[in-house]
Structures are given as structure tokens and as C-alpha cells.
Amino acid sequence: MIFGIDDESHEVCGSQYKNSRPSLDSIKKKIADHTTNRHTFVEIHELSYINGKRVIMFEIPPAPVGIPIAFKIITTEETDNRYKVLV
């Protein structure tokens, strides 16, 4: 998942989301606290461009084979690189 890149043009537009490393790291814990088997991001990467615009990349690991991942009781599964809610 990437913040700071325009969806349509793919131009770097920058992101102000969670402007400090501790606040980004707190997201990893929050996700882990609410997911099956504490599944969370591998790492959160911050990139700064010459023009001062910031891009944030969330490195998301695949779910273990055969184990759907639930977040706050919402269960999803990945099919064809897309996620769908299992009801």
C-alpha cells in the first residue's frame, strides 16, 4: 500500500499521514492488536523526494496459506490480488 502517489497520474503528490516515525510504528501495533495471529505490516518505508514530497510504503506480507485474516471481526481473503469480505 502506498501513500503519496496520485492514483490516476501516478505522479508523486506527497503525504502528510502520520508525520513522525513513532506514529507510523504505532500503526503496526494497532493493526497487530486487531488481526488474526497479530498479522501486521513487515515494515513501513518513508521516502523523501528532492522536491520535499514524502511517500509512505507499507510492506504487507501475504496471509498464511489457508488462513483468512480477520480485522476487528471482518474476515477477508485474497483472490487474484484483490481482497473480498467473507460474510
N, C-alpha and C. Protein backbone atom coordinates (compact mmCIF):
# COMPACT_ATOMS: atom_id res chain seq x y z
N MET A 1 0.86 -1.14 0.00
CA MET A 1 0.00 0.00 0.00
C MET A 1 0.91 1.22 0.00
N ILE A 2 0.59 2.20 -0.84
CA ILE A 2 1.45 3.38 -0.98
C ILE A 2 0.63 4.65 -0.80
N PHE A 3 1.11 5.55 0.05
CA PHE A 3 0.52 6.88 0.22
C PHE A 3 1.48 7.89 -0.39
N GLY A 4 0.92 8.89 -1.09
CA GLY A 4 1.73 9.98 -1.63
C GLY A 4 1.93 9.90 -3.13
N ILE A 5 1.24 8.95 -3.79
CA ILE A 5 1.29 8.81 -5.25
C ILE A 5 -0.15 8.96 -5.75
N ASP A 6 -0.35 9.80 -6.75
CA ASP A 6 -1.68 10.01 -7.31
C ASP A 6 -2.16 8.73 -8.01
N ASP A 7 -3.38 8.29 -7.71
CA ASP A 7 -3.92 7.05 -8.27
C ASP A 7 -4.01 7.06 -9.79
N GLU A 8 -4.38 8.17 -10.37
CA GLU A 8 -4.60 8.21 -11.82
C GLU A 8 -3.33 8.53 -12.60
N SER A 9 -2.63 9.57 -12.22
CA SER A 9 -1.46 10.02 -12.99
C SER A 9 -0.17 9.32 -12.56
N HIS A 10 -0.18 8.73 -11.37
CA HIS A 10 1.00 8.10 -10.76
C HIS A 10 2.12 9.10 -10.48
N GLU A 11 1.77 10.38 -10.41
CA GLU A 11 2.73 11.42 -10.05
C GLU A 11 2.90 11.44 -8.53
N VAL A 12 4.08 11.83 -8.06
CA VAL A 12 4.32 11.98 -6.63
C VAL A 12 3.61 13.25 -6.17
N CYS A 13 2.65 13.10 -5.26
CA CYS A 13 1.93 14.26 -4.74
C CYS A 13 2.27 14.51 -3.27
N GLY A 14 2.88 13.52 -2.61
CA GLY A 14 3.27 13.66 -1.21
C GLY A 14 2.16 13.27 -0.25
N SER A 15 2.55 12.95 0.96
CA SER A 15 1.59 12.58 2.00
C SER A 15 2.03 13.18 3.34
N GLN A 16 1.05 13.65 4.09
CA GLN A 16 1.30 14.17 5.43
C GLN A 16 0.81 13.18 6.49
N TYR A 17 0.44 11.97 6.08
CA TYR A 17 -0.10 10.97 7.00
C TYR A 17 0.94 10.56 8.04
N LYS A 18 0.59 10.65 9.31
CA LYS A 18 1.45 10.23 10.42
C LYS A 18 2.88 10.75 10.22
N ASN A 19 3.09 12.01 10.51
CA ASN A 19 4.35 12.70 10.20
C ASN A 19 5.55 12.36 11.08
N SER A 20 5.44 11.39 11.97
CA SER A 20 6.61 11.02 12.77
C SER A 20 6.77 9.51 12.76
N ARG A 21 8.00 9.06 12.94
CA ARG A 21 8.27 7.62 12.94
C ARG A 21 7.51 6.89 14.06
N PRO A 22 7.48 7.46 15.29
CA PRO A 22 6.72 6.78 16.35
C PRO A 22 5.23 6.61 16.00
N SER A 23 4.64 7.61 15.34
CA SER A 23 3.22 7.48 14.98
C SER A 23 3.02 6.42 13.89
N LEU A 24 3.97 6.31 12.97
CA LEU A 24 3.88 5.24 11.96
C LEU A 24 4.04 3.87 12.61
N ASP A 25 4.99 3.76 13.53
CA ASP A 25 5.20 2.48 14.20
C ASP A 25 3.99 2.08 15.05
N SER A 26 3.27 3.06 15.57
CA SER A 26 2.08 2.74 16.37
C SER A 26 1.00 2.09 15.51
N ILE A 27 0.99 2.40 14.21
CA ILE A 27 0.02 1.77 13.29
C ILE A 27 0.29 0.28 13.20
N LYS A 28 1.57 -0.12 13.14
CA LYS A 28 1.92 -1.54 13.10
C LYS A 28 1.34 -2.27 14.31
N LYS A 29 1.48 -1.67 15.48
CA LYS A 29 0.95 -2.30 16.70
C LYS A 29 -0.57 -2.35 16.68
N LYS A 30 -1.20 -1.26 16.25
CA LYS A 30 -2.66 -1.21 16.22
C LYS A 30 -3.22 -2.28 15.29
N ILE A 31 -2.61 -2.43 14.12
CA ILE A 31 -3.06 -3.47 13.18
C ILE A 31 -2.86 -4.85 13.82
N ALA A 32 -1.69 -5.09 14.40
CA ALA A 32 -1.40 -6.39 15.03
C ALA A 32 -2.40 -6.70 16.14
N ASP A 33 -2.77 -5.69 16.92
CA ASP A 33 -3.70 -5.90 18.03
C ASP A 33 -5.09 -6.33 17.58
N HIS A 34 -5.45 -6.07 16.32
CA HIS A 34 -6.81 -6.34 15.85
C HIS A 34 -6.88 -7.35 14.72
N THR A 35 -5.81 -8.06 14.42
CA THR A 35 -5.84 -9.03 13.33
C THR A 35 -5.56 -10.45 13.82
N THR A 36 -6.00 -11.40 13.02
CA THR A 36 -5.75 -12.81 13.30
C THR A 36 -4.26 -13.06 13.42
N ASN A 37 -3.85 -13.76 14.46
CA ASN A 37 -2.44 -14.11 14.70
C ASN A 37 -1.51 -12.89 14.68
N ARG A 38 -2.04 -11.70 15.04
CA ARG A 38 -1.25 -10.46 15.09
C ARG A 38 -0.56 -10.16 13.76
N HIS A 39 -1.24 -10.47 12.66
CA HIS A 39 -0.72 -10.22 11.31
C HIS A 39 -0.64 -8.70 11.10
N THR A 40 0.52 -8.19 10.72
CA THR A 40 0.69 -6.75 10.54
C THR A 40 1.69 -6.48 9.41
N PHE A 41 2.02 -5.22 9.20
CA PHE A 41 2.98 -4.84 8.17
C PHE A 41 4.36 -5.40 8.51
N VAL A 42 5.12 -5.78 7.49
CA VAL A 42 6.51 -6.17 7.69
C VAL A 42 7.31 -4.94 8.08
N GLU A 43 7.12 -3.88 7.32
CA GLU A 43 7.82 -2.63 7.57
C GLU A 43 7.05 -1.49 6.92
N ILE A 44 7.29 -0.29 7.42
CA ILE A 44 6.74 0.93 6.82
C ILE A 44 7.94 1.75 6.37
N HIS A 45 8.01 2.01 5.06
CA HIS A 45 9.14 2.73 4.47
C HIS A 45 8.71 4.16 4.16
N GLU A 46 9.55 5.12 4.52
CA GLU A 46 9.32 6.53 4.19
C GLU A 46 10.37 6.96 3.17
N LEU A 47 9.91 7.59 2.11
CA LEU A 47 10.82 8.10 1.08
C LEU A 47 10.63 9.61 0.96
N SER A 48 11.72 10.34 0.89
CA SER A 48 11.67 11.78 0.67
C SER A 48 12.25 12.08 -0.70
N TYR A 49 11.49 12.80 -1.50
CA TYR A 49 11.96 13.18 -2.83
C TYR A 49 12.66 14.53 -2.77
N ILE A 50 13.42 14.84 -3.82
CA ILE A 50 14.18 16.09 -3.87
C ILE A 50 13.27 17.30 -3.67
N ASN A 51 12.06 17.23 -4.20
CA ASN A 51 11.13 18.35 -4.07
C ASN A 51 10.47 18.42 -2.69
N GLY A 52 10.91 17.56 -1.75
CA GLY A 52 10.40 17.58 -0.39
C GLY A 52 9.12 16.80 -0.18
N LYS A 53 8.61 16.19 -1.23
CA LYS A 53 7.38 15.41 -1.09
C LYS A 53 7.71 14.05 -0.49
N ARG A 54 6.83 13.57 0.36
CA ARG A 54 7.04 12.35 1.13
C ARG A 54 6.12 11.24 0.63
N VAL A 55 6.67 10.04 0.46
CA VAL A 55 5.91 8.86 0.06
C VAL A 55 6.07 7.82 1.16
N ILE A 56 4.97 7.17 1.53
CA ILE A 56 4.99 6.13 2.55
C ILE A 56 4.58 4.82 1.90
N MET A 57 5.40 3.78 2.09
CA MET A 57 5.10 2.46 1.53
C MET A 57 4.93 1.47 2.68
N PHE A 58 3.78 0.82 2.71
CA PHE A 58 3.50 -0.20 3.72
C PHE A 58 3.78 -1.56 3.09
N GLU A 59 4.74 -2.28 3.64
CA GLU A 59 5.11 -3.60 3.13
C GLU A 59 4.20 -4.63 3.81
N ILE A 60 3.28 -5.19 3.04
CA ILE A 60 2.27 -6.09 3.58
C ILE A 60 2.60 -7.53 3.20
N PRO A 61 2.75 -8.41 4.19
CA PRO A 61 3.06 -9.80 3.89
C PRO A 61 1.80 -10.55 3.44
N PRO A 62 1.97 -11.63 2.69
CA PRO A 62 0.80 -12.43 2.32
C PRO A 62 0.24 -13.15 3.55
N ALA A 63 -1.02 -13.47 3.50
CA ALA A 63 -1.62 -14.26 4.58
C ALA A 63 -1.10 -15.69 4.47
N PRO A 64 -1.00 -16.38 5.59
CA PRO A 64 -0.61 -17.79 5.53
C PRO A 64 -1.61 -18.57 4.68
N VAL A 65 -1.14 -19.55 3.93
CA VAL A 65 -2.00 -20.34 3.05
C VAL A 65 -3.12 -20.99 3.87
N GLY A 66 -4.34 -20.79 3.40
CA GLY A 66 -5.49 -21.42 4.03
C GLY A 66 -5.99 -20.76 5.30
N ILE A 67 -5.41 -19.63 5.69
CA ILE A 67 -5.84 -18.95 6.91
C ILE A 67 -6.31 -17.53 6.56
N PRO A 68 -7.62 -17.30 6.55
CA PRO A 68 -8.10 -15.94 6.28
C PRO A 68 -7.67 -15.01 7.43
N ILE A 69 -7.45 -13.76 7.12
CA ILE A 69 -7.06 -12.77 8.12
C ILE A 69 -8.29 -11.93 8.46
N ALA A 70 -8.57 -11.83 9.75
CA ALA A 70 -9.69 -11.02 10.22
C ALA A 70 -9.15 -9.76 10.88
N PHE A 71 -9.84 -8.63 10.67
CA PHE A 71 -9.52 -7.38 11.34
C PHE A 71 -10.79 -6.92 12.03
N LYS A 72 -10.74 -6.88 13.35
CA LYS A 72 -11.91 -6.49 14.14
C LYS A 72 -13.16 -7.23 13.67
N ILE A 73 -13.06 -8.53 13.52
CA ILE A 73 -14.14 -9.45 13.17
C ILE A 73 -14.53 -9.41 11.70
N ILE A 74 -13.90 -8.58 10.88
CA ILE A 74 -14.17 -8.58 9.45
C ILE A 74 -13.15 -9.50 8.81
N THR A 75 -13.60 -10.59 8.20
CA THR A 75 -12.69 -11.56 7.60
C THR A 75 -12.60 -11.31 6.11
N THR A 76 -11.38 -11.32 5.59
CA THR A 76 -11.16 -11.11 4.16
C THR A 76 -10.32 -12.25 3.60
N GLU A 77 -10.38 -12.43 2.30
CA GLU A 77 -9.48 -13.36 1.65
C GLU A 77 -9.00 -12.72 0.36
N GLU A 78 -7.81 -13.11 -0.06
CA GLU A 78 -7.22 -12.56 -1.27
C GLU A 78 -7.47 -13.51 -2.41
N THR A 79 -8.02 -12.99 -3.50
CA THR A 79 -8.20 -13.76 -4.72
C THR A 79 -7.80 -12.88 -5.88
N ASP A 80 -6.94 -13.38 -6.73
CA ASP A 80 -6.48 -12.61 -7.90
C ASP A 80 -5.96 -11.23 -7.50
N ASN A 81 -5.18 -11.16 -6.41
CA ASN A 81 -4.59 -9.92 -5.90
C ASN A 81 -5.61 -8.87 -5.50
N ARG A 82 -6.81 -9.30 -5.19
CA ARG A 82 -7.85 -8.41 -4.67
C ARG A 82 -8.40 -9.03 -3.40
N TYR A 83 -8.90 -8.18 -2.51
CA TYR A 83 -9.45 -8.68 -1.26
C TYR A 83 -10.95 -8.61 -1.30
N LYS A 84 -11.61 -9.61 -0.74
CA LYS A 84 -13.06 -9.56 -0.62
C LYS A 84 -13.44 -9.94 0.80
N VAL A 85 -14.53 -9.35 1.26
CA VAL A 85 -15.02 -9.60 2.61
C VAL A 85 -15.77 -10.92 2.61
N LEU A 86 -15.46 -11.79 3.57
CA LEU A 86 -16.18 -13.04 3.73
C LEU A 86 -17.29 -12.83 4.75
N VAL A 87 -18.49 -13.13 4.39
CA VAL A 87 -19.63 -12.91 5.29
C VAL A 87 -20.08 -14.22 5.86
